[in-house]
Amino acid sequence: MQRWQKKKKQLPLLALIFFVFIVFSILYNECNIRHIHGVQSEKDDNNHSHQSTVKIESLPKSTPPQNFTLPKKPPVGLDKFSKCSSTVPYSGRRAAWAVHTVESGGRRGAPEPEACDLFSGKWVFDNTSYPLYSESSCPYMSDQLACRKHGRTDLGYQFWRWQPHNCNLKRWNATEMWEKLRGKRLMFVGDSLNRGQWISMLCLLQSAIPADKQSITPNAELTIFTAENYNATVEFLWAPLLVESNSDDVVEHRLDERILRPDGILRHSSRWEHADILIFNSYLWWRQGSVKLLWSTEENAVCEEIDGVGGMELAMEAWADWVASHVDPLKKRVFFVTMSPTHQIKEEWEPGSQGNCYDEKLPISDEKYWGTGSNLPTMQMVHKVLNRLGSKVSVLNITQLSEYRKDGHPTIYRKFWEPLSAEKIADPASYSDCIHWCLPGVPDVWNEFLFHFL
C-alpha cells in the first residue's frame, strides 16, 4: 500500500516533465516554420518574384521532373483589354494535371453493334422528309445562318438526309427529345460552330412548345432557352478556347493578340458544371496562327508563345482534367463534337479549278475525300486526349460526313457585320463564308446523332 502511494506521488512529476517537453518541441518547430516562410516572403518581395516554386521529387520515373507552381494570389481575370507585357517562346511547361492519367474504359456511344458505324455513310437527297423545319418558322434563327432570307435561291442544301452504311439513324422526334430533356439542362459549350448547332437544336425543338411556355434570355456569354412545361433548358455558353481567354466576350472577341490561361478552367466550368448534358467543341479558333499563354502564376504579364495545335492540346488537357474529376457518366452525359470542316480551296475537290465553296450546289460523292480544312494532326491529338477519358465522353464524329457538304455553307448569303467594299462585292468568292453552315442544313444532322445517342 505504501509502495503504491509512493508511485502515485511520482506520476504527476513525470507527466509534468513530459508535457513541458511536448510544448517546447511544438514552439521550436513553429518558430522554424515561421522563420522559413518569413525568409521566403522577404526574398519574394525583394526580388519582385511572382511565384513560389515547390519541387516534386516523387514523380513516376516515366515522367520527367517538373516544377509545379503555387500562386500567391488569384490572377487578374483576362478580358478584351488584356495585353502581354512581353512574349517569350513556349517553355514546354504543362499544368500539374498533365502528368496524371485517367484509366481508359469503354466508349459510351451508340447502341448499334460494332459493325454499324453511324458516322460512315452517304448523303441521300430526300425532299419528302427534309427539311425538319423551315427557316422562316424558327424565331431563333441567326442572320449568320439564314441563307434563304439573305438571298440564296438554290435550296437543295436543305433536302439531304444522312444515311449510314448498314444501319439507320433514328428519326428525329421533337416530343421524344423533350421527354429525354425533362427536368434537365442541356448545354452547348464552344465557339460559333457550336452556337450554330445550338440554334439548330432550338429550331428543331421549339415547335413542340406552346409560345407562352417558352422563353429565351438576351444574347450573352450564357444564353438560355427555357421550356416551362418540361422544366428544361437548352443553353449555349460562349467559350471558344475552352479555357479562360481574352476572347471570352461574346461580341468583342476579334482581337489581334489571342491570350489564354492554359491552367484556367474555372471561369467557364463554374457555368457548365451543373448541366446534365454537355456538348463541347473546339477547333477553328486554333487555326488562326500562334496563341499566347499567360499562366495563372504569372504576375508580370509575360506570355509564352505556342502554335495553335500545341495551345489547343494544353486547353484540351485542362478540360479533360475537369471531366475526369467531375463527371460520373451515369449522372451526367458529356459529348465532344469533332472538327467542323471548311471548304476554302475548290481545287481540292475539283482539280484545276479556282475559288472556294461559292456557288457549290451538290455534296462531294467521293467517300474518301478529305480536305485541308480538317487538320489531321489536330484530330489525332484530340483522339489521344479523349481516349484517356474512356466512357466519360461520347464522341460526335461529324468531320468526315460534313467534309462532303461543300454546298452547305452560307457563302455570301448571310448578314455581314462589317461593310463590304465594291471590290469585294464584285468578287463573291473573296468574302464567301465557307466555315459556318446554312440552316436548315448540316448541323441538324449533328443533332440527330445527339438525339440517337441520348
Protein backbone atom coordinates (compact mmCIF):
# COMPACT_ATOMS: atom_id res chain seq x y z
CA MET A 1 0.00 0.00 0.00
CA GLN A 2 2.81 2.41 0.81
CA ARG A 3 4.69 1.46 -2.36
CA TRP A 4 1.56 2.22 -4.42
CA GLN A 5 1.16 5.66 -2.81
CA LYS A 6 4.84 6.46 -3.47
CA LYS A 7 4.46 5.66 -7.17
CA LYS A 8 1.29 7.68 -7.25
CA LYS A 9 3.17 10.76 -5.98
CA GLN A 10 5.85 10.33 -8.69
CA LEU A 11 3.42 10.16 -11.64
CA PRO A 12 2.38 13.87 -11.68
CA LEU A 13 6.03 14.91 -11.77
CA LEU A 14 6.75 12.64 -14.76
CA ALA A 15 3.63 13.88 -16.56
CA LEU A 16 4.69 17.50 -15.99
CA ILE A 17 8.17 16.87 -17.43
CA PHE A 18 6.66 15.13 -20.49
CA PHE A 19 4.16 17.98 -21.03
CA VAL A 20 6.93 20.63 -20.89
CA PHE A 21 8.93 18.64 -23.44
CA ILE A 22 5.98 18.47 -25.87
CA VAL A 23 5.23 22.21 -25.58
CA PHE A 24 8.90 23.09 -26.14
CA SER A 25 9.01 20.89 -29.29
CA ILE A 26 5.88 22.49 -30.74
CA LEU A 27 7.16 26.04 -30.10
CA TYR A 28 10.55 25.21 -31.58
CA ASN A 29 9.03 23.80 -34.77
CA GLU A 30 6.57 26.73 -35.08
CA CYS A 31 9.44 29.21 -34.86
CA ASN A 32 11.33 27.34 -37.54
CA ILE A 33 8.29 27.28 -39.84
CA ARG A 34 7.67 30.99 -39.35
CA HIS A 35 11.32 31.75 -39.97
CA ILE A 36 11.35 29.78 -43.23
CA HIS A 37 8.18 31.43 -44.53
CA GLY A 38 9.36 34.84 -43.40
CA VAL A 39 12.65 34.50 -45.24
CA GLN A 40 10.88 33.27 -48.39
CA SER A 41 8.33 36.11 -48.30
CA GLU A 42 11.05 38.69 -47.82
CA LYS A 43 13.02 37.18 -50.71
CA ASP A 44 9.93 37.22 -52.95
CA ASP A 45 9.22 40.87 -52.11
CA ASN A 46 12.81 41.97 -52.67
CA ASN A 47 13.07 40.15 -55.99
CA HIS A 48 9.51 41.01 -57.12
CA SER A 49 9.00 37.30 -57.56
CA HIS A 50 5.62 36.20 -58.94
CA GLN A 51 5.54 32.64 -57.63
CA SER A 52 6.77 30.17 -55.02
CA THR A 53 8.20 27.01 -56.51
CA VAL A 54 7.69 23.59 -54.95
CA LYS A 55 9.74 20.84 -56.50
CA ILE A 56 8.11 17.43 -56.51
CA GLU A 57 10.75 14.71 -56.10
CA SER A 58 8.44 11.69 -56.12
CA LEU A 59 7.13 11.80 -59.70
CA PRO A 60 6.90 8.49 -61.57
CA LYS A 61 10.13 7.50 -63.30
CA SER A 62 8.46 7.75 -66.70
CA THR A 63 7.68 11.43 -66.12
CA PRO A 64 10.50 13.98 -66.29
CA PRO A 65 10.91 16.12 -63.12
CA GLN A 66 8.80 19.27 -63.21
CA ASN A 67 8.46 22.37 -61.12
CA PHE A 68 4.87 22.96 -60.11
CA THR A 69 3.93 26.44 -59.05
CA LEU A 70 1.57 27.70 -56.40
CA PRO A 71 0.00 31.13 -57.00
CA LYS A 72 0.43 33.70 -54.24
CA LYS A 73 -2.98 35.19 -55.04
CA PRO A 74 -5.77 34.70 -57.62
CA PRO A 75 -4.74 36.02 -61.06
CA VAL A 76 -6.40 39.05 -62.61
CA GLY A 77 -9.11 37.84 -64.98
CA LEU A 78 -8.48 38.09 -68.71
CA ASP A 79 -10.66 40.35 -70.82
CA LYS A 80 -10.56 42.10 -74.20
CA PHE A 81 -8.18 44.73 -72.77
CA SER A 82 -5.60 42.21 -71.53
CA LYS A 83 -2.13 42.52 -73.04
CA CYS A 84 1.20 40.73 -72.78
CA SER A 85 4.00 42.91 -71.38
CA SER A 86 6.44 40.75 -73.34
CA THR A 87 6.49 37.42 -75.12
CA VAL A 88 8.94 34.53 -74.84
CA PRO A 89 9.00 31.15 -76.63
CA TYR A 90 6.97 28.35 -75.08
CA SER A 91 9.00 26.71 -72.32
CA GLY A 92 7.43 23.27 -72.53
CA ARG A 93 5.70 23.77 -69.21
CA ARG A 94 2.48 21.89 -68.57
CA ALA A 95 -0.07 22.18 -65.83
CA ALA A 96 0.21 19.75 -62.91
CA TRP A 97 -2.63 17.51 -64.02
CA ALA A 98 -0.89 16.72 -67.32
CA VAL A 99 1.21 14.06 -65.54
CA HIS A 100 -1.83 12.18 -64.29
CA THR A 101 -3.55 9.54 -66.39
CA VAL A 102 -7.18 8.54 -66.37
CA GLU A 103 -7.94 4.86 -66.74
CA SER A 104 -9.41 4.12 -70.13
CA GLY A 105 -12.82 2.50 -70.23
CA GLY A 106 -15.26 1.52 -72.93
CA ARG A 107 -16.55 4.41 -75.01
CA ARG A 108 -20.15 5.20 -74.21
CA GLY A 109 -21.86 5.75 -77.53
CA ALA A 110 -24.33 4.27 -79.98
CA PRO A 111 -26.40 1.22 -79.07
CA GLU A 112 -25.75 -0.37 -82.50
CA PRO A 113 -23.45 -3.36 -82.88
CA GLU A 114 -19.84 -2.58 -83.68
CA ALA A 115 -20.39 -3.49 -87.35
CA CYS A 116 -22.51 -0.38 -87.75
CA ASP A 117 -20.71 2.95 -87.82
CA LEU A 118 -23.30 5.72 -87.83
CA PHE A 119 -20.69 8.22 -88.99
CA SER A 120 -19.80 6.25 -92.13
CA GLY A 121 -22.30 6.60 -94.93
CA LYS A 122 -23.53 8.91 -97.68
CA TRP A 123 -25.88 11.81 -98.24
CA VAL A 124 -29.20 10.92 -99.90
CA PHE A 125 -31.45 13.54 -101.50
CA ASP A 126 -34.78 13.47 -99.65
CA ASN A 127 -37.23 16.29 -100.33
CA THR A 128 -40.05 14.35 -98.68
CA SER A 129 -38.75 14.09 -95.10
CA TYR A 130 -36.45 17.13 -95.12
CA PRO A 131 -36.02 19.84 -94.05
CA LEU A 132 -37.12 19.09 -90.48
CA TYR A 133 -38.30 22.71 -90.06
CA SER A 134 -38.48 25.83 -92.19
CA GLU A 135 -36.10 28.74 -91.82
CA SER A 136 -38.91 31.27 -91.51
CA SER A 137 -40.77 29.28 -88.83
CA CYS A 138 -37.87 29.40 -86.35
CA PRO A 139 -37.93 32.62 -84.25
CA TYR A 140 -34.39 31.92 -83.01
CA MET A 141 -32.74 31.78 -86.42
CA SER A 142 -29.45 33.67 -86.74
CA ASP A 143 -28.80 36.12 -89.57
CA GLN A 144 -25.41 34.44 -89.92
CA LEU A 145 -27.12 31.18 -90.89
CA ALA A 146 -30.38 32.26 -92.56
CA CYS A 147 -29.25 31.77 -96.15
CA ARG A 148 -32.67 31.90 -97.82
CA LYS A 149 -33.54 35.14 -96.04
CA HIS A 150 -30.34 36.69 -97.36
CA GLY A 151 -30.92 35.81 -100.99
CA ARG A 152 -29.98 32.19 -101.60
CA THR A 153 -32.38 30.73 -104.17
CA ASP A 154 -30.86 27.25 -104.72
CA LEU A 155 -32.37 25.47 -101.72
CA GLY A 156 -31.17 21.95 -102.43
CA TYR A 157 -28.84 22.11 -99.39
CA GLN A 158 -31.94 21.68 -97.17
CA PHE A 159 -33.02 18.31 -98.59
CA TRP A 160 -30.13 15.97 -97.87
CA ARG A 161 -30.50 13.10 -95.38
CA TRP A 162 -27.54 11.27 -93.86
CA GLN A 163 -27.72 7.53 -94.49
CA PRO A 164 -25.22 5.37 -92.57
CA HIS A 165 -23.98 2.16 -94.18
CA ASN A 166 -25.73 -0.99 -92.91
CA CYS A 167 -27.97 0.75 -90.36
CA ASN A 168 -30.33 3.67 -89.89
CA LEU A 169 -30.12 6.86 -87.89
CA LYS A 170 -33.02 7.26 -85.52
CA ARG A 171 -35.69 9.53 -87.00
CA TRP A 172 -35.99 12.90 -85.27
CA ASN A 173 -38.96 13.36 -82.93
CA ALA A 174 -39.21 16.67 -81.05
CA THR A 175 -41.65 15.42 -78.41
CA GLU A 176 -39.49 12.39 -77.64
CA MET A 177 -36.44 14.63 -77.38
CA TRP A 178 -38.22 16.86 -74.87
CA GLU A 179 -39.08 13.79 -72.80
CA LYS A 180 -35.37 12.94 -72.73
CA LEU A 181 -34.70 16.50 -71.54
CA ARG A 182 -37.49 16.73 -68.97
CA GLY A 183 -36.17 18.32 -65.78
CA LYS A 184 -32.68 18.68 -67.30
CA ARG A 185 -30.20 21.28 -68.54
CA LEU A 186 -28.74 20.68 -72.00
CA MET A 187 -25.78 22.99 -72.67
CA PHE A 188 -23.65 23.59 -75.75
CA VAL A 189 -20.19 24.99 -74.94
CA GLY A 190 -17.79 26.34 -77.52
CA ASP A 191 -17.47 28.68 -80.50
CA SER A 192 -19.76 29.93 -83.28
CA LEU A 193 -19.96 26.45 -84.87
CA ASN A 194 -21.32 25.08 -81.61
CA ARG A 195 -23.64 28.07 -81.37
CA GLY A 196 -24.93 27.12 -84.83
CA GLN A 197 -25.66 23.62 -83.57
CA TRP A 198 -27.44 25.12 -80.56
CA ILE A 199 -29.60 27.30 -82.84
CA SER A 200 -30.34 24.22 -84.94
CA MET A 201 -31.49 22.44 -81.77
CA LEU A 202 -33.78 25.33 -80.83
CA CYS A 203 -35.30 25.29 -84.31
CA LEU A 204 -35.81 21.53 -84.13
CA LEU A 205 -37.43 21.72 -80.68
CA GLN A 206 -39.35 24.98 -80.37
CA SER A 207 -42.41 23.98 -82.44
CA ALA A 208 -43.34 21.36 -79.81
CA ILE A 209 -43.59 24.01 -77.07
CA PRO A 210 -46.54 26.43 -76.77
CA ALA A 211 -45.42 30.01 -77.37
CA ASP A 212 -46.42 31.08 -73.86
CA LYS A 213 -44.35 28.25 -72.33
CA GLN A 214 -41.03 29.12 -73.98
CA SER A 215 -38.64 31.99 -73.37
CA ILE A 216 -35.03 32.95 -74.04
CA THR A 217 -32.59 35.21 -72.21
CA PRO A 218 -30.89 38.05 -74.11
CA ASN A 219 -27.75 37.18 -76.06
CA ALA A 220 -24.90 36.93 -73.55
CA GLU A 221 -21.96 34.71 -72.65
CA LEU A 222 -24.55 32.23 -71.40
CA THR A 223 -27.86 32.26 -73.31
CA ILE A 224 -30.72 30.13 -72.00
CA PHE A 225 -33.85 28.83 -73.76
CA THR A 226 -36.45 27.62 -71.26
CA ALA A 227 -39.34 25.20 -71.85
CA GLU A 228 -41.59 25.68 -68.83
CA ASN A 229 -43.84 22.68 -69.43
CA TYR A 230 -40.83 20.34 -69.39
CA ASN A 231 -38.90 22.22 -66.70
CA ALA A 232 -35.95 22.04 -69.10
CA THR A 233 -33.41 24.41 -70.63
CA VAL A 234 -31.31 24.35 -73.81
CA GLU A 235 -28.33 26.65 -73.31
CA PHE A 236 -25.26 27.98 -75.09
CA LEU A 237 -22.06 29.10 -73.36
CA TRP A 238 -19.53 31.09 -75.36
CA ALA A 239 -16.10 29.55 -74.62
CA PRO A 240 -14.24 29.35 -77.96
CA LEU A 241 -10.94 28.18 -76.42
CA LEU A 242 -12.50 26.11 -73.59
CA VAL A 243 -10.14 27.72 -71.05
CA GLU A 244 -10.20 31.35 -69.94
CA SER A 245 -9.07 33.81 -72.63
CA ASN A 246 -9.21 37.45 -73.68
CA SER A 247 -11.74 36.41 -76.35
CA ASP A 248 -14.46 35.41 -73.89
CA ASP A 249 -16.54 38.49 -74.70
CA VAL A 250 -19.46 37.18 -76.73
CA VAL A 251 -19.44 40.24 -79.02
CA GLU A 252 -15.99 41.85 -79.00
CA HIS A 253 -13.64 38.92 -79.42
CA ARG A 254 -11.87 39.64 -82.70
CA LEU A 255 -8.51 40.61 -81.31
CA ASP A 256 -5.05 40.85 -82.89
CA GLU A 257 -3.41 39.09 -79.94
CA ARG A 258 -5.07 35.96 -78.59
CA ILE A 259 -4.21 35.30 -74.94
CA LEU A 260 -5.35 32.33 -72.87
CA ARG A 261 -4.75 30.75 -69.49
CA PRO A 262 -3.82 27.12 -70.18
CA ASP A 263 -4.46 26.34 -66.50
CA GLY A 264 -7.61 28.45 -66.15
CA ILE A 265 -10.79 26.39 -66.50
CA LEU A 266 -12.85 27.76 -63.57
CA ARG A 267 -14.39 30.77 -65.35
CA HIS A 268 -16.26 28.51 -67.73
CA SER A 269 -16.57 25.31 -65.70
CA SER A 270 -18.41 27.20 -62.95
CA ARG A 271 -21.11 27.87 -65.58
CA TRP A 272 -21.30 24.43 -67.16
CA GLU A 273 -20.72 22.15 -64.13
CA HIS A 274 -24.41 21.93 -63.18
CA ALA A 275 -25.67 20.98 -66.65
CA ASP A 276 -26.95 17.43 -67.12
CA ILE A 277 -25.96 17.05 -70.78
CA LEU A 278 -22.93 18.89 -72.19
CA ILE A 279 -21.86 19.24 -75.83
CA PHE A 280 -18.37 20.69 -76.32
CA ASN A 281 -16.44 21.70 -79.41
CA SER A 282 -13.17 23.48 -80.17
CA TYR A 283 -11.16 23.72 -83.37
CA LEU A 284 -11.28 26.68 -85.75
CA TRP A 285 -10.03 29.26 -83.27
CA TRP A 286 -6.79 27.29 -83.04
CA ARG A 287 -6.28 27.51 -86.81
CA GLN A 288 -5.56 31.24 -86.88
CA GLY A 289 -1.88 31.21 -86.03
CA SER A 290 0.02 31.11 -82.76
CA VAL A 291 -1.51 31.95 -79.39
CA LYS A 292 -0.11 33.48 -76.20
CA LEU A 293 -0.09 31.61 -72.90
CA LEU A 294 -0.43 33.59 -69.66
CA TRP A 295 -0.15 31.19 -66.74
CA SER A 296 -2.16 31.85 -63.59
CA THR A 297 1.00 32.26 -61.54
CA GLU A 298 2.46 34.92 -63.84
CA GLU A 299 2.03 38.39 -62.30
CA ASN A 300 4.16 40.40 -64.71
CA ALA A 301 2.10 39.62 -67.84
CA VAL A 302 4.97 37.76 -69.51
CA CYS A 303 3.41 35.47 -72.10
CA GLU A 304 4.71 32.35 -73.80
CA GLU A 305 4.00 31.85 -77.50
CA ILE A 306 2.93 28.49 -78.92
CA ASP A 307 1.47 27.21 -82.19
CA GLY A 308 -2.27 26.62 -82.43
CA VAL A 309 -2.28 22.83 -82.13
CA GLY A 310 0.04 22.99 -79.09
CA GLY A 311 -2.17 25.59 -77.44
CA MET A 312 -5.27 23.52 -78.14
CA GLU A 313 -3.66 20.46 -76.58
CA LEU A 314 -2.97 22.38 -73.35
CA ALA A 315 -6.58 23.63 -73.28
CA MET A 316 -7.91 20.15 -74.00
CA GLU A 317 -5.83 18.74 -71.14
CA ALA A 318 -7.32 21.29 -68.75
CA TRP A 319 -10.81 20.42 -69.99
CA ALA A 320 -10.08 16.68 -69.77
CA ASP A 321 -8.90 17.07 -66.18
CA TRP A 322 -12.22 18.67 -65.29
CA VAL A 323 -14.15 15.87 -67.00
CA ALA A 324 -12.03 13.17 -65.32
CA SER A 325 -12.56 14.61 -61.85
CA HIS A 326 -16.18 15.81 -62.09
CA VAL A 327 -18.13 13.57 -64.46
CA ASP A 328 -20.00 10.45 -63.44
CA PRO A 329 -21.26 9.05 -66.79
CA LEU A 330 -24.28 7.55 -65.05
CA LYS A 331 -25.40 11.01 -63.90
CA LYS A 332 -24.00 13.43 -66.50
CA ARG A 333 -23.62 12.97 -70.26
CA VAL A 334 -20.70 14.65 -72.00
CA PHE A 335 -20.25 14.83 -75.78
CA PHE A 336 -17.37 16.21 -77.80
CA VAL A 337 -18.02 17.31 -81.39
CA THR A 338 -15.07 16.75 -83.70
CA MET A 339 -13.77 19.25 -86.28
CA SER A 340 -16.27 21.08 -88.45
CA PRO A 341 -14.53 21.16 -91.87
CA THR A 342 -14.12 24.23 -94.06
CA HIS A 343 -14.17 24.34 -97.86
CA GLN A 344 -11.83 27.17 -98.78
CA ILE A 345 -9.97 25.56 -101.73
CA LYS A 346 -12.11 24.37 -104.64
CA GLU A 347 -9.15 22.69 -106.32
CA GLU A 348 -9.21 20.02 -103.60
CA TRP A 349 -12.50 18.55 -104.87
CA GLU A 350 -12.26 19.85 -108.46
CA PRO A 351 -8.63 19.72 -109.63
CA GLY A 352 -7.52 22.56 -111.89
CA SER A 353 -10.25 24.95 -110.71
CA GLN A 354 -10.05 28.11 -108.61
CA GLY A 355 -12.23 29.55 -105.89
CA ASN A 356 -13.90 28.04 -102.84
CA CYS A 357 -17.36 26.86 -101.79
CA TYR A 358 -19.12 29.75 -103.52
CA ASP A 359 -21.85 28.62 -105.91
CA GLU A 360 -21.50 24.95 -104.94
CA LYS A 361 -24.84 23.15 -105.15
CA LEU A 362 -24.12 19.45 -104.60
CA PRO A 363 -22.28 17.36 -101.98
CA ILE A 364 -19.00 15.60 -102.76
CA SER A 365 -19.69 11.99 -103.77
CA ASP A 366 -16.18 10.58 -103.20
CA GLU A 367 -16.39 8.90 -99.77
CA LYS A 368 -12.60 9.03 -99.43
CA TYR A 369 -12.46 12.80 -99.80
CA TRP A 370 -10.57 14.67 -97.09
CA GLY A 371 -9.68 18.34 -97.46
CA THR A 372 -7.12 20.55 -95.78
CA GLY A 373 -9.98 22.21 -93.90
CA SER A 374 -9.79 19.26 -91.49
CA ASN A 375 -6.37 19.09 -89.86
CA LEU A 376 -5.24 15.50 -89.20
CA PRO A 377 -2.62 16.31 -86.51
CA THR A 378 -5.35 18.15 -84.60
CA MET A 379 -7.71 15.22 -84.91
CA GLN A 380 -5.02 12.80 -83.72
CA MET A 381 -4.28 14.99 -80.71
CA VAL A 382 -7.98 15.23 -79.82
CA HIS A 383 -8.33 11.45 -80.16
CA LYS A 384 -5.41 10.95 -77.77
CA VAL A 385 -6.93 13.24 -75.13
CA LEU A 386 -10.45 11.79 -75.48
CA ASN A 387 -9.14 8.25 -75.31
CA ARG A 388 -7.84 8.95 -71.79
CA LEU A 389 -11.38 9.73 -70.68
CA GLY A 390 -12.93 6.45 -71.73
CA SER A 391 -16.66 6.19 -71.07
CA LYS A 392 -16.87 9.68 -69.57
CA VAL A 393 -17.17 11.25 -73.06
CA SER A 394 -19.14 10.26 -76.16
CA VAL A 395 -17.76 11.48 -79.48
CA LEU A 396 -19.91 13.03 -82.22
CA ASN A 397 -17.58 12.36 -85.15
CA ILE A 398 -19.12 14.78 -87.63
CA THR A 399 -15.94 15.56 -89.59
CA GLN A 400 -15.96 13.06 -92.47
CA LEU A 401 -19.68 13.34 -93.20
CA SER A 402 -19.51 17.15 -93.11
CA GLU A 403 -16.48 17.07 -95.45
CA TYR A 404 -18.82 16.06 -98.27
CA ARG A 405 -21.08 19.10 -97.82
CA LYS A 406 -19.28 21.82 -99.76
CA ASP A 407 -22.76 23.02 -100.76
CA GLY A 408 -23.95 23.66 -97.20
CA HIS A 409 -22.13 26.92 -96.32
CA PRO A 410 -23.70 30.41 -96.35
CA THR A 411 -21.09 31.83 -98.78
CA ILE A 412 -22.41 35.35 -99.50
CA TYR A 413 -25.95 34.62 -98.29
CA ARG A 414 -25.74 35.85 -94.72
CA LYS A 415 -25.52 39.09 -92.78
CA PHE A 416 -22.03 40.60 -92.64
CA TRP A 417 -21.47 42.96 -89.74
CA GLU A 418 -18.67 44.84 -91.46
CA PRO A 419 -19.40 46.86 -94.65
CA LEU A 420 -18.21 45.22 -97.87
CA SER A 421 -16.18 47.16 -100.41
CA ALA A 422 -17.26 47.40 -104.04
CA GLU A 423 -14.19 45.37 -104.97
CA LYS A 424 -15.24 42.51 -102.71
CA ILE A 425 -18.85 42.57 -103.86
CA ALA A 426 -17.60 42.24 -107.44
CA ASP A 427 -15.75 39.04 -106.43
CA PRO A 428 -18.17 36.92 -104.35
CA ALA A 429 -15.64 34.17 -103.63
CA SER A 430 -13.38 36.70 -101.90
CA TYR A 431 -15.77 37.12 -99.00
CA SER A 432 -17.74 33.87 -99.06
CA ASP A 433 -18.30 32.20 -95.70
CA CYS A 434 -17.12 28.61 -96.19
CA ILE A 435 -16.93 27.97 -92.44
CA HIS A 436 -20.43 28.20 -90.98
CA TRP A 437 -23.49 26.26 -92.16
CA CYS A 438 -26.87 27.29 -93.56
CA LEU A 439 -29.93 26.30 -91.55
CA PRO A 440 -31.87 24.12 -92.07
CA GLY A 441 -28.86 22.03 -93.03
CA VAL A 442 -25.83 20.08 -91.88
CA PRO A 443 -25.96 20.91 -88.10
CA ASP A 444 -29.47 19.41 -87.96
CA VAL A 445 -27.88 16.02 -88.69
CA TRP A 446 -25.35 16.58 -85.91
CA ASN A 447 -28.32 17.00 -83.56
CA GLU A 448 -29.96 13.87 -84.94
CA PHE A 449 -26.85 12.00 -83.77
CA LEU A 450 -27.26 13.56 -80.34
CA PHE A 451 -30.92 12.50 -80.25
CA HIS A 452 -29.93 9.00 -81.31
CA PHE A 453 -27.31 8.61 -78.57
CA LEU A 454 -29.47 10.04 -75.78
